[in-house]
């Protein structure tokens, strides 16, 4: 019977993930995704489904794209999130990359955040900090400001 401790298990998991990431990039992306994307773009342009002026002359520009496979989650999502925030803050990773790894489009997320903040401001909602407790002086002052 084989026994493993946390460190051994983590090292094995890291090695497994490295191998999977290499396979994702060299096989799935390079040999399949890239080829399917190029063919799809060519067919879409040739069939008239997409009208892209200059596609034939600048095909390489139009078929260029970034492939970001889903990120691996760890056991503690809070630590993962804090580490990602620190990476973004240190300039080691962009918000766009972090969002793309989670399967989201940065422009869409930013538009949603802006709309949420505008709505929160319009309704007098405050999130992200300590909310005033119902009945406290801060809460009563906020309610009075709303009714004036």
C-alpha atoms as a PDB file:
ATOM      1  CA  UNK A   1       0.000   0.000   0.000  1.00  0.00           C
ATOM      2  CA  UNK A   2       1.363   3.392  -1.031  1.00  0.00           C
ATOM      3  CA  UNK A   3       1.086   6.325   1.358  1.00  0.00           C
ATOM      4  CA  UNK A   4       1.385   9.936   0.275  1.00  0.00           C
ATOM      5  CA  UNK A   5       1.604  13.117   2.233  1.00  0.00           C
ATOM      6  CA  UNK A   6       0.370  16.560   1.174  1.00  0.00           C
ATOM      7  CA  UNK A   7       3.704  17.614  -0.352  1.00  0.00           C
ATOM      8  CA  UNK A   8       4.037  14.449  -2.428  1.00  0.00           C
ATOM      9  CA  UNK A   9       0.449  14.732  -3.602  1.00  0.00           C
ATOM     10  CA  UNK A  10       0.904  18.385  -4.533  1.00  0.00           C
ATOM     11  CA  UNK A  11       4.106  17.668  -6.469  1.00  0.00           C
ATOM     12  CA  UNK A  12       2.378  14.867  -8.384  1.00  0.00           C
ATOM     13  CA  UNK A  13      -0.559  17.147  -9.136  1.00  0.00           C
ATOM     14  CA  UNK A  14       1.753  19.923 -10.366  1.00  0.00           C
ATOM     15  CA  UNK A  15       3.556  17.504 -12.672  1.00  0.00           C
ATOM     16  CA  UNK A  16       0.241  16.178 -13.992  1.00  0.00           C
ATOM     17  CA  UNK A  17      -0.981  19.714 -14.673  1.00  0.00           C
ATOM     18  CA  UNK A  18       2.265  20.618 -16.477  1.00  0.00           C
ATOM     19  CA  UNK A  19       1.852  17.597 -18.733  1.00  0.00           C
ATOM     20  CA  UNK A  20      -1.804  18.367 -19.428  1.00  0.00           C
ATOM     21  CA  UNK A  21      -1.002  22.016 -20.213  1.00  0.00           C
ATOM     22  CA  UNK A  22       1.747  20.933 -22.625  1.00  0.00           C
ATOM     23  CA  UNK A  23      -0.680  18.525 -24.297  1.00  0.00           C
ATOM     24  CA  UNK A  24      -3.389  21.201 -24.470  1.00  0.00           C
ATOM     25  CA  UNK A  25      -1.028  23.608 -26.207  1.00  0.00           C
ATOM     26  CA  UNK A  26       0.867  21.265 -28.521  1.00  0.00           C
ATOM     27  CA  UNK A  27      -1.986  18.952 -29.497  1.00  0.00           C
ATOM     28  CA  UNK A  28      -5.369  20.527 -28.831  1.00  0.00           C
ATOM     29  CA  UNK A  29      -4.522  24.132 -29.711  1.00  0.00           C
ATOM     30  CA  UNK A  30      -1.766  23.712 -32.292  1.00  0.00           C
ATOM     31  CA  UNK A  31      -3.087  20.680 -34.148  1.00  0.00           C
ATOM     32  CA  UNK A  32      -6.848  21.087 -33.761  1.00  0.00           C
ATOM     33  CA  UNK A  33      -8.186  24.444 -32.537  1.00  0.00           C
ATOM     34  CA  UNK A  34      -5.901  26.564 -34.702  1.00  0.00           C
ATOM     35  CA  UNK A  35      -6.664  24.535 -37.842  1.00  0.00           C
ATOM     36  CA  UNK A  36     -10.427  24.511 -37.217  1.00  0.00           C
ATOM     37  CA  UNK A  37     -10.428  28.277 -36.555  1.00  0.00           C
ATOM     38  CA  UNK A  38      -8.501  29.016 -39.774  1.00  0.00           C
ATOM     39  CA  UNK A  39     -10.825  26.819 -41.839  1.00  0.00           C
ATOM     40  CA  UNK A  40     -13.907  28.344 -40.206  1.00  0.00           C
ATOM     41  CA  UNK A  41     -12.707  31.892 -40.983  1.00  0.00           C
ATOM     42  CA  UNK A  42     -11.885  30.993 -44.604  1.00  0.00           C
ATOM     43  CA  UNK A  43     -15.290  29.363 -45.174  1.00  0.00           C
ATOM     44  CA  UNK A  44     -17.158  32.190 -43.436  1.00  0.00           C
ATOM     45  CA  UNK A  45     -15.459  34.806 -45.629  1.00  0.00           C
ATOM     46  CA  UNK A  46     -15.743  32.800 -48.868  1.00  0.00           C
ATOM     47  CA  UNK A  47     -19.438  32.048 -48.279  1.00  0.00           C
ATOM     48  CA  UNK A  48     -20.203  35.700 -47.562  1.00  0.00           C
ATOM     49  CA  UNK A  49     -21.281  35.027 -43.971  1.00  0.00           C
ATOM     50  CA  UNK A  50     -18.530  37.432 -42.888  1.00  0.00           C
ATOM     51  CA  UNK A  51     -17.645  40.512 -44.913  1.00  0.00           C
ATOM     52  CA  UNK A  52     -14.051  41.363 -44.061  1.00  0.00           C
ATOM     53  CA  UNK A  53     -12.470  43.745 -46.594  1.00  0.00           C
ATOM     54  CA  UNK A  54      -8.843  42.838 -47.316  1.00  0.00           C
ATOM     55  CA  UNK A  55      -9.141  39.356 -45.789  1.00  0.00           C
ATOM     56  CA  UNK A  56      -7.163  37.695 -48.579  1.00  0.00           C
ATOM     57  CA  UNK A  57      -4.273  40.191 -48.317  1.00  0.00           C
ATOM     58  CA  UNK A  58      -4.214  40.252 -44.508  1.00  0.00           C
ATOM     59  CA  UNK A  59      -5.374  36.728 -43.703  1.00  0.00           C
ATOM     60  CA  UNK A  60      -2.619  36.171 -41.101  1.00  0.00           C
ATOM     61  CA  UNK A  61      -3.804  39.230 -39.178  1.00  0.00           C
ATOM     62  CA  UNK A  62      -7.443  38.147 -39.206  1.00  0.00           C
ATOM     63  CA  UNK A  63      -6.836  34.535 -38.165  1.00  0.00           C
ATOM     64  CA  UNK A  64      -4.457  35.465 -35.342  1.00  0.00           C
ATOM     65  CA  UNK A  65      -5.934  34.763 -31.931  1.00  0.00           C
ATOM     66  CA  UNK A  66      -4.917  33.793 -28.413  1.00  0.00           C
ATOM     67  CA  UNK A  67      -5.824  30.424 -26.995  1.00  0.00           C
ATOM     68  CA  UNK A  68      -6.276  30.394 -23.237  1.00  0.00           C
ATOM     69  CA  UNK A  69      -7.338  27.056 -21.795  1.00  0.00           C
ATOM     70  CA  UNK A  70      -9.314  27.138 -18.535  1.00  0.00           C
ATOM     71  CA  UNK A  71      -7.218  27.826 -15.471  1.00  0.00           C
ATOM     72  CA  UNK A  72      -6.681  25.154 -12.845  1.00  0.00           C
ATOM     73  CA  UNK A  73      -8.356  25.745  -9.521  1.00  0.00           C
ATOM     74  CA  UNK A  74      -6.738  24.730  -6.269  1.00  0.00           C
ATOM     75  CA  UNK A  75      -8.259  23.542  -3.035  1.00  0.00           C
ATOM     76  CA  UNK A  76      -8.632  27.021  -1.532  1.00  0.00           C
ATOM     77  CA  UNK A  77     -10.405  29.412  -3.949  1.00  0.00           C
ATOM     78  CA  UNK A  78      -9.901  32.389  -1.605  1.00  0.00           C
ATOM     79  CA  UNK A  79      -6.106  31.965  -1.722  1.00  0.00           C
ATOM     80  CA  UNK A  80      -6.287  31.521  -5.505  1.00  0.00           C
ATOM     81  CA  UNK A  81      -8.263  34.747  -5.867  1.00  0.00           C
ATOM     82  CA  UNK A  82      -5.924  36.700  -3.587  1.00  0.00           C
ATOM     83  CA  UNK A  83      -2.896  35.392  -5.492  1.00  0.00           C
ATOM     84  CA  UNK A  84      -4.491  36.379  -8.798  1.00  0.00           C
ATOM     85  CA  UNK A  85      -5.260  39.875  -7.493  1.00  0.00           C
ATOM     86  CA  UNK A  86      -1.612  40.212  -6.410  1.00  0.00           C
ATOM     87  CA  UNK A  87      -0.418  39.038  -9.842  1.00  0.00           C
ATOM     88  CA  UNK A  88      -2.610  41.642 -11.528  1.00  0.00           C
ATOM     89  CA  UNK A  89      -1.440  44.332  -9.101  1.00  0.00           C
ATOM     90  CA  UNK A  90       2.216  43.433  -9.721  1.00  0.00           C
ATOM     91  CA  UNK A  91       1.760  43.550 -13.485  1.00  0.00           C
ATOM     92  CA  UNK A  92       2.440  39.827 -13.899  1.00  0.00           C
ATOM     93  CA  UNK A  93      -1.016  39.230 -15.367  1.00  0.00           C
ATOM     94  CA  UNK A  94      -3.729  41.416 -16.862  1.00  0.00           C
ATOM     95  CA  UNK A  95      -7.371  41.517 -15.787  1.00  0.00           C
ATOM     96  CA  UNK A  96      -8.233  40.607 -19.363  1.00  0.00           C
ATOM     97  CA  UNK A  97      -6.137  37.428 -19.111  1.00  0.00           C
ATOM     98  CA  UNK A  98      -7.525  36.554 -15.678  1.00  0.00           C
ATOM     99  CA  UNK A  99     -11.099  36.956 -16.927  1.00  0.00           C
ATOM    100  CA  UNK A 100     -10.400  35.034 -20.143  1.00  0.00           C
ATOM    101  CA  UNK A 101      -9.000  32.119 -18.121  1.00  0.00           C
ATOM    102  CA  UNK A 102     -12.327  32.021 -16.299  1.00  0.00           C
ATOM    103  CA  UNK A 103     -14.230  32.027 -19.589  1.00  0.00           C
ATOM    104  CA  UNK A 104     -15.373  35.658 -19.523  1.00  0.00           C
ATOM    105  CA  UNK A 105     -14.927  38.566 -21.943  1.00  0.00           C
ATOM    106  CA  UNK A 106     -13.269  41.559 -20.235  1.00  0.00           C
ATOM    107  CA  UNK A 107     -15.219  44.161 -22.223  1.00  0.00           C
ATOM    108  CA  UNK A 108     -18.535  42.540 -21.306  1.00  0.00           C
ATOM    109  CA  UNK A 109     -17.545  42.227 -17.620  1.00  0.00           C
ATOM    110  CA  UNK A 110     -16.405  45.869 -17.519  1.00  0.00           C
ATOM    111  CA  UNK A 111     -19.682  47.026 -19.114  1.00  0.00           C
ATOM    112  CA  UNK A 112     -21.652  45.005 -16.555  1.00  0.00           C
ATOM    113  CA  UNK A 113     -19.607  46.438 -13.668  1.00  0.00           C
ATOM    114  CA  UNK A 114     -20.134  49.996 -14.956  1.00  0.00           C
ATOM    115  CA  UNK A 115     -23.884  49.401 -15.310  1.00  0.00           C
ATOM    116  CA  UNK A 116     -24.041  47.856 -11.825  1.00  0.00           C
ATOM    117  CA  UNK A 117     -22.173  50.799 -10.273  1.00  0.00           C
ATOM    118  CA  UNK A 118     -24.399  53.328 -12.020  1.00  0.00           C
ATOM    119  CA  UNK A 119     -27.518  51.501 -10.804  1.00  0.00           C
ATOM    120  CA  UNK A 120     -26.095  51.174  -7.265  1.00  0.00           C
ATOM    121  CA  UNK A 121     -25.317  54.900  -7.168  1.00  0.00           C
ATOM    122  CA  UNK A 122     -28.762  55.785  -8.529  1.00  0.00           C
ATOM    123  CA  UNK A 123     -30.420  53.615  -5.859  1.00  0.00           C
ATOM    124  CA  UNK A 124     -28.069  54.652  -3.054  1.00  0.00           C
ATOM    125  CA  UNK A 125     -26.668  51.155  -2.604  1.00  0.00           C
ATOM    126  CA  UNK A 126     -23.210  50.645  -1.142  1.00  0.00           C
ATOM    127  CA  UNK A 127     -21.297  47.396  -1.627  1.00  0.00           C
ATOM    128  CA  UNK A 128     -17.735  46.363  -0.964  1.00  0.00           C
ATOM    129  CA  UNK A 129     -17.370  47.884   2.444  1.00  0.00           C
ATOM    130  CA  UNK A 130     -19.020  47.750   5.798  1.00  0.00           C
ATOM    131  CA  UNK A 131     -22.731  48.186   5.269  1.00  0.00           C
ATOM    132  CA  UNK A 132     -24.529  50.248   7.920  1.00  0.00           C
ATOM    133  CA  UNK A 133     -26.510  48.127  10.364  1.00  0.00           C
ATOM    134  CA  UNK A 134     -30.289  48.671  10.328  1.00  0.00           C
ATOM    135  CA  UNK A 135     -31.174  51.037  13.166  1.00  0.00           C
ATOM    136  CA  UNK A 136     -27.617  52.365  13.591  1.00  0.00           C
ATOM    137  CA  UNK A 137     -26.950  56.135  13.387  1.00  0.00           C
ATOM    138  CA  UNK A 138     -25.221  55.652  10.004  1.00  0.00           C
ATOM    139  CA  UNK A 139     -28.204  53.713   8.655  1.00  0.00           C
ATOM    140  CA  UNK A 140     -30.701  56.275   9.950  1.00  0.00           C
ATOM    141  CA  UNK A 141     -28.678  59.114   8.413  1.00  0.00           C
ATOM    142  CA  UNK A 142     -28.592  57.309   5.056  1.00  0.00           C
ATOM    143  CA  UNK A 143     -32.371  56.786   5.169  1.00  0.00           C
ATOM    144  CA  UNK A 144     -32.951  60.467   6.039  1.00  0.00           C
ATOM    145  CA  UNK A 145     -30.727  61.530   3.107  1.00  0.00           C
ATOM    146  CA  UNK A 146     -32.836  59.348   0.796  1.00  0.00           C
ATOM    147  CA  UNK A 147     -36.126  60.866   1.946  1.00  0.00           C
ATOM    148  CA  UNK A 148     -34.995  64.523   1.763  1.00  0.00           C
END
